[in-house]
Protein backbone atom coordinates (compact mmCIF):
# COMPACT_ATOMS: atom_id res chain seq x y z
CA UNK A 1 13.81 -44.58 -3.91
CA UNK A 2 15.17 -48.07 -4.22
CA UNK A 3 13.91 -50.47 -1.59
CA UNK A 4 16.00 -53.11 0.12
CA UNK A 5 14.81 -56.49 -1.22
CA UNK A 6 16.07 -58.56 1.73
CA UNK A 7 13.27 -60.53 3.37
CA UNK A 8 15.20 -61.22 6.57
CA UNK A 9 18.71 -60.68 7.95
CA UNK A 10 21.61 -62.47 6.31
CA UNK A 11 22.45 -65.85 7.77
CA UNK A 12 25.89 -66.46 6.31
CA UNK A 13 27.40 -69.75 7.44
CA UNK A 14 30.92 -68.70 8.34
CA UNK A 15 31.97 -72.33 8.82
CA UNK A 16 30.63 -73.56 5.48
CA UNK A 17 32.70 -76.48 4.18
CA UNK A 18 31.97 -77.56 0.61
CA UNK A 19 34.53 -80.35 0.49
CA UNK A 20 33.49 -83.45 -1.44
CA UNK A 21 31.22 -84.30 -4.35
CA UNK A 22 27.99 -82.38 -4.89
CA UNK A 23 25.43 -83.54 -7.45
CA UNK A 24 23.54 -80.88 -9.45
CA UNK A 25 20.29 -82.76 -9.81
CA UNK A 26 18.41 -83.10 -13.08
CA UNK A 27 14.73 -82.22 -13.13
CA UNK A 28 12.85 -85.42 -14.03
CA UNK A 29 9.64 -85.04 -15.99
CA UNK A 30 6.54 -87.21 -16.14
CA UNK A 31 5.12 -88.50 -19.42
CA UNK A 32 2.71 -85.57 -19.43
CA UNK A 33 5.50 -83.04 -18.97
CA UNK A 34 5.21 -82.09 -15.30
CA UNK A 35 8.05 -82.15 -12.79
CA UNK A 36 8.31 -85.69 -11.42
CA UNK A 37 8.72 -84.68 -7.78
CA UNK A 38 8.83 -88.23 -6.38
CA UNK A 39 11.58 -89.22 -8.81
CA UNK A 40 13.55 -86.08 -7.92
CA UNK A 41 13.26 -86.92 -4.23
CA UNK A 42 14.42 -90.47 -4.87
CA UNK A 43 17.43 -89.24 -6.88
CA UNK A 44 18.41 -86.92 -4.05
CA UNK A 45 18.31 -89.76 -1.53
CA UNK A 46 20.20 -92.10 -3.87
CA UNK A 47 23.19 -89.81 -4.41
CA UNK A 48 23.36 -89.00 -0.70
CA UNK A 49 23.18 -92.71 0.12
CA UNK A 50 26.17 -93.19 -2.19
CA UNK A 51 28.25 -90.67 -0.28
CA UNK A 52 27.67 -87.30 -1.94
CA UNK A 53 28.39 -84.40 0.40
CA UNK A 54 25.43 -82.44 -0.90
CA UNK A 55 23.09 -81.68 -3.73
CA UNK A 56 22.54 -78.65 -5.93
CA UNK A 57 19.05 -77.56 -6.92
CA UNK A 58 18.38 -75.39 -9.96
CA UNK A 59 21.78 -75.69 -11.58
CA UNK A 60 22.25 -75.73 -15.35
CA UNK A 61 21.77 -79.49 -15.23
CA UNK A 62 18.27 -78.93 -13.82
CA UNK A 63 17.18 -77.15 -17.05
CA UNK A 64 16.37 -74.19 -14.82
CA UNK A 65 15.92 -71.84 -17.77
CA UNK A 66 12.96 -73.93 -18.95
CA UNK A 67 11.20 -74.14 -15.57
CA UNK A 68 8.37 -71.87 -14.50
CA UNK A 69 8.63 -70.10 -11.16
CA UNK A 70 6.25 -72.53 -9.44
CA UNK A 71 8.30 -75.45 -10.78
CA UNK A 72 11.52 -73.91 -9.52
CA UNK A 73 9.92 -73.55 -6.10
CA UNK A 74 8.76 -77.16 -6.21
CA UNK A 75 12.25 -78.41 -7.07
CA UNK A 76 13.83 -76.31 -4.34
CA UNK A 77 11.26 -77.46 -1.80
CA UNK A 78 11.83 -81.15 -2.57
CA UNK A 79 15.60 -80.78 -2.30
CA UNK A 80 15.27 -78.74 0.90
CA UNK A 81 13.12 -81.42 2.51
CA UNK A 82 15.60 -84.17 1.65
CA UNK A 83 18.56 -82.17 2.95
CA UNK A 84 16.68 -81.36 6.14
CA UNK A 85 15.93 -85.03 6.69
CA UNK A 86 19.45 -86.15 5.85
CA UNK A 87 21.46 -83.30 7.36
CA UNK A 88 23.03 -82.78 3.92
CA UNK A 89 24.31 -79.58 2.37
CA UNK A 90 21.96 -77.87 -0.08
CA UNK A 91 23.19 -75.36 -2.64
CA UNK A 92 20.62 -73.59 -4.82
CA UNK A 93 21.23 -71.97 -8.18
CA UNK A 94 20.32 -68.29 -8.17
CA UNK A 95 21.37 -65.01 -9.72
CA UNK A 96 20.95 -63.28 -13.07
CA UNK A 97 22.97 -61.28 -15.57
CA UNK A 98 21.71 -58.02 -14.07
CA UNK A 99 22.65 -57.19 -10.50
CA UNK A 100 19.19 -56.05 -9.35
CA UNK A 101 17.55 -59.16 -10.77
CA UNK A 102 20.23 -61.30 -9.12
CA UNK A 103 19.53 -59.64 -5.77
CA UNK A 104 15.85 -60.51 -6.08
CA UNK A 105 16.68 -64.11 -7.03
CA UNK A 106 18.91 -64.51 -3.98
CA UNK A 107 16.37 -62.91 -1.66
CA UNK A 108 13.92 -65.71 -2.47
CA UNK A 109 16.28 -68.23 -0.88
CA UNK A 110 15.36 -66.92 2.54
CA UNK A 111 12.19 -68.98 2.14
CA UNK A 112 14.22 -72.20 2.48
CA UNK A 113 16.35 -72.21 5.65
CA UNK A 114 17.86 -75.52 4.50
CA UNK A 115 19.73 -73.70 1.70
CA UNK A 116 23.34 -73.29 2.82
CA UNK A 117 24.85 -71.70 -0.30
CA UNK A 118 23.85 -70.12 -3.61
CA UNK A 119 25.47 -71.03 -6.93
CA UNK A 120 25.67 -67.77 -8.88
CA UNK A 121 26.98 -67.59 -12.44
CA UNK A 122 29.33 -64.84 -13.53
CA UNK A 123 27.11 -62.36 -15.45
CA UNK A 124 26.43 -63.87 -18.85
CA UNK A 125 26.25 -62.03 -22.20
CA UNK A 126 26.70 -58.60 -20.57
CA UNK A 127 30.49 -59.10 -20.38
CA UNK A 128 31.36 -56.47 -17.75
CA UNK A 129 34.95 -55.70 -16.89
CA UNK A 130 36.67 -57.70 -14.16
CA UNK A 131 36.07 -54.71 -11.87
CA UNK A 132 32.38 -54.69 -12.81
CA UNK A 133 32.12 -58.41 -12.11
CA UNK A 134 33.77 -57.86 -8.71
CA UNK A 135 31.31 -55.04 -7.93
CA UNK A 136 28.42 -57.31 -8.97
CA UNK A 137 29.47 -60.05 -6.56
CA UNK A 138 30.33 -57.59 -3.80
CA UNK A 139 26.78 -56.26 -3.92
CA UNK A 140 25.28 -59.76 -4.03
CA UNK A 141 27.41 -60.91 -1.09
CA UNK A 142 26.07 -57.98 0.92
CA UNK A 143 22.41 -58.90 0.42
CA UNK A 144 22.44 -62.67 0.00
CA UNK A 145 20.98 -64.71 2.87
CA UNK A 146 23.60 -67.41 2.24
CA UNK A 147 27.25 -67.59 1.12
CA UNK A 148 27.91 -67.46 -2.61
CA UNK A 149 29.57 -70.04 -4.85
CA UNK A 150 30.78 -68.19 -7.94
CA UNK A 151 30.10 -70.21 -11.08
CA UNK A 152 32.99 -69.49 -13.44
CA UNK A 153 32.13 -70.98 -16.84
CA UNK A 154 33.50 -68.63 -19.51
CA UNK A 155 32.50 -70.78 -22.49
CA UNK A 156 28.87 -70.15 -21.50
CA UNK A 157 29.07 -66.64 -20.05
CA UNK A 158 31.51 -65.09 -22.53
CA UNK A 159 33.33 -63.62 -19.54
CA UNK A 160 36.84 -65.02 -18.91
CA UNK A 161 38.38 -64.25 -15.53
CA UNK A 162 42.04 -64.80 -14.74
CA UNK A 163 43.45 -66.07 -11.46
CA UNK A 164 43.84 -62.57 -10.03
CA UNK A 165 40.18 -61.74 -10.74
CA UNK A 166 39.00 -64.98 -9.16
CA UNK A 167 41.20 -64.36 -6.13
CA UNK A 168 39.60 -60.94 -5.76
CA UNK A 169 36.15 -62.55 -5.78
CA UNK A 170 37.32 -65.18 -3.30
CA UNK A 171 38.49 -62.47 -0.94
CA UNK A 172 35.00 -60.98 -0.64
CA UNK A 173 33.19 -61.60 2.64
CA UNK A 174 30.26 -63.85 1.81
CA UNK A 175 31.93 -65.64 -1.12
CA UNK A 176 32.74 -69.20 -0.08
CA UNK A 177 33.90 -70.96 -3.24
CA UNK A 178 34.11 -71.06 -7.00
CA UNK A 179 32.71 -73.74 -9.26
CA UNK A 180 35.59 -73.76 -11.72
CA UNK A 181 34.59 -74.78 -15.24
CA UNK A 182 37.11 -73.03 -17.46
CA UNK A 183 37.11 -75.76 -20.11
CA UNK A 184 40.56 -77.09 -19.27
CA UNK A 185 43.59 -76.63 -17.07
CA UNK A 186 45.99 -73.77 -17.79
CA UNK A 187 48.36 -71.42 -15.99
CA UNK A 188 45.46 -69.54 -14.38
CA UNK A 189 44.14 -72.81 -12.96
CA UNK A 190 47.51 -73.63 -11.44
CA UNK A 191 47.94 -70.08 -10.15
CA UNK A 192 44.51 -69.99 -8.50
CA UNK A 193 44.86 -73.36 -6.78
CA UNK A 194 48.41 -72.52 -5.74
CA UNK A 195 47.41 -69.31 -3.99
CA UNK A 196 43.70 -69.27 -3.18
CA UNK A 197 42.45 -66.86 -0.51
CA UNK A 198 42.09 -68.33 2.97
CA UNK A 199 38.72 -70.03 3.39
CA UNK A 200 37.96 -69.91 -0.35
CA UNK A 201 37.38 -73.35 -1.86
CA UNK A 202 37.77 -74.37 -5.49
CA UNK A 203 35.27 -76.95 -6.77
CA UNK A 204 35.72 -78.72 -10.08
CA UNK A 205 32.94 -77.90 -12.51
CA UNK A 206 34.19 -79.62 -15.66
CA UNK A 207 33.56 -83.28 -15.00
CA UNK A 208 36.36 -84.63 -17.19
CA UNK A 209 38.95 -82.57 -15.28
CA UNK A 210 37.89 -83.34 -11.73
CA UNK A 211 40.79 -85.73 -11.07
CA UNK A 212 43.63 -83.35 -12.04
CA UNK A 213 41.89 -80.48 -10.25
CA UNK A 214 41.66 -82.58 -7.09
CA UNK A 215 45.34 -83.42 -7.51
CA UNK A 216 46.11 -79.69 -7.65
CA UNK A 217 44.18 -79.06 -4.45
CA UNK A 218 40.51 -78.57 -5.34
CA UNK A 219 38.19 -79.25 -2.41
CA UNK A 220 35.73 -81.30 -4.45
CA UNK A 221 33.39 -80.92 -7.39
CA UNK A 222 29.88 -80.11 -8.56
CA UNK A 223 29.47 -82.76 -11.22
CA UNK A 224 26.53 -83.80 -13.40
CA UNK A 225 28.28 -87.10 -14.17
CA UNK A 226 28.12 -87.94 -10.49
CA UNK A 227 24.45 -88.86 -10.89
CA UNK A 228 26.07 -92.03 -12.22
CA UNK A 229 28.69 -93.95 -10.24
CA UNK A 230 28.30 -91.46 -7.40
CA UNK A 231 30.27 -93.65 -5.04
CA UNK A 232 33.19 -93.83 -7.47
CA UNK A 233 33.42 -90.04 -7.70
CA UNK A 234 33.37 -89.90 -3.89
CA UNK A 235 36.08 -92.56 -3.81
CA UNK A 236 38.16 -90.49 -6.25
CA UNK A 237 37.97 -87.41 -4.03
CA UNK A 238 38.87 -89.50 -0.99
CA UNK A 239 41.82 -91.11 -2.77
CA UNK A 240 43.37 -87.75 -3.68
CA UNK A 241 42.70 -86.38 -0.20
CA UNK A 242 44.38 -89.39 1.43
CA UNK A 243 47.31 -89.45 -0.99
CA UNK A 244 46.42 -92.76 -2.68
CA UNK A 245 47.84 -91.60 -6.00
CA UNK A 246 47.79 -94.95 -7.80
CA UNK A 247 44.11 -95.51 -7.04
CA UNK A 248 43.22 -91.92 -7.82
CA UNK A 249 44.92 -91.98 -11.23
CA UNK A 250 43.31 -95.23 -12.32
CA UNK A 251 39.85 -94.21 -11.15
CA UNK A 252 40.26 -90.68 -12.49
CA UNK A 253 40.96 -91.92 -16.01
CA UNK A 254 37.93 -94.22 -15.94
CA UNK A 255 35.64 -91.47 -14.67
CA UNK A 256 36.98 -89.05 -17.26
CA UNK A 257 35.93 -91.49 -19.97
CA UNK A 258 32.47 -91.72 -18.42
CA UNK A 259 32.24 -87.93 -18.23
CA UNK A 260 33.26 -87.56 -21.86
CA UNK A 261 30.46 -89.94 -22.84
CA UNK A 262 27.93 -88.09 -20.65
CA UNK A 263 28.83 -84.76 -22.28
CA UNK A 264 28.95 -86.06 -25.86
CA UNK A 265 25.64 -84.24 -26.38
CA UNK A 266 24.30 -81.13 -24.61
CA UNK A 267 23.96 -81.55 -20.85
CA UNK A 268 21.80 -83.02 -19.32
CA UNK A 269 20.32 -85.05 -22.18
CA UNK A 270 22.70 -88.03 -21.93
CA UNK A 271 22.61 -88.28 -18.15
CA UNK A 272 18.81 -88.23 -18.32
CA UNK A 273 18.86 -90.92 -20.98
CA UNK A 274 21.08 -93.12 -18.82
CA UNK A 275 19.02 -92.50 -15.66
CA UNK A 276 15.88 -93.51 -17.56
CA UNK A 277 17.56 -96.61 -18.99
CA UNK A 278 18.48 -97.59 -15.43
CA UNK A 279 14.90 -97.07 -14.26
CA UNK A 280 15.77 -94.17 -11.97
CA UNK A 281 13.56 -91.53 -13.63
CA UNK A 282 10.22 -92.04 -15.41
CA UNK A 283 11.22 -90.52 -18.78
CA UNK A 284 14.37 -89.29 -20.52
CA UNK A 285 12.50 -86.15 -21.56
CA UNK A 286 14.02 -82.69 -21.73
CA UNK A 287 12.43 -79.39 -22.68
CA UNK A 288 13.07 -77.39 -25.81
CA UNK A 289 15.43 -76.07 -26.99
CA UNK A 290 17.11 -79.30 -25.84
CA UNK A 291 16.34 -82.55 -27.65
CA UNK A 292 16.53 -86.06 -26.15
CA UNK A 293 19.83 -87.90 -26.34
CA UNK A 294 20.51 -90.22 -29.23
CA UNK A 295 20.40 -93.96 -28.61
CA UNK A 296 24.08 -94.19 -29.54
CA UNK A 297 25.12 -91.60 -26.94
CA UNK A 298 23.13 -93.32 -24.19
CA UNK A 299 24.56 -96.70 -25.15
CA UNK A 300 28.11 -95.33 -25.09
CA UNK A 301 27.62 -93.84 -21.62
CA UNK A 302 26.08 -97.06 -20.33
CA UNK A 303 29.09 -98.96 -21.66
CA UNK A 304 31.55 -96.70 -19.83
CA UNK A 305 29.47 -96.91 -16.67
CA UNK A 306 29.47 -100.70 -16.79
CA UNK A 307 33.28 -100.74 -17.04
CA UNK A 308 33.87 -98.68 -13.90
């Protein structure tokens, strides 16, 4: 008989507000290849000092797929401690392509009461139907100790979902938001933002499109580029929220150029290269199958950063 994997009762935060800019932190490495915990802690404080609403541990940007379980726990623990000290919102990447494995991943979050939400990718590679995806998230929402942020990124998962399917997910109790990274803006984007379920927030997940998504009504973004010029991304979100269109457009174009430079090579290699060049992490190292950023890509990103 299948056992219930929950470690303690659900603690869904019914008033969870994900508005603003959240930074999915990289995992810095030392010169000998270990997780550089002190550098990670410093990064977390730096982006919060600059106005970020929260941080995300164990996102794609963290190279989570290359981390061992003990390293994932270390990263989560560091981020939890910072958020506890700062009163900041912590989201933790969790989930899996199989529903049972995703349940187990989410259950582990009960160990960190500072975790307020879980970022859970639409099942990758399996490519279930829209109904199967809805059933997957319905089950996860039932057992998760925290609200879910659906990570919709079809160019990685191979699973496109239209506006109706995303609305159905957003209507589930226990689903708080979607990280929307569809690779552009199309009719489904407009339809979703024009008629999102009550209490369901849309967060930009493609850095280059954060400004137009904010203009259409997105609540904020989860943005790797926001490691750099964090305050400017926060200013962009504030400008759209306050209706300062002229400022938002100008800043949005500049930040889109920065984001394009940051994503010129596979994420997070360029952002790590820039952070190292700025002295914010001890090495630019990434783990295979990623390779370090080219000097040209880092130089181009530094140039865009200097012009903002």
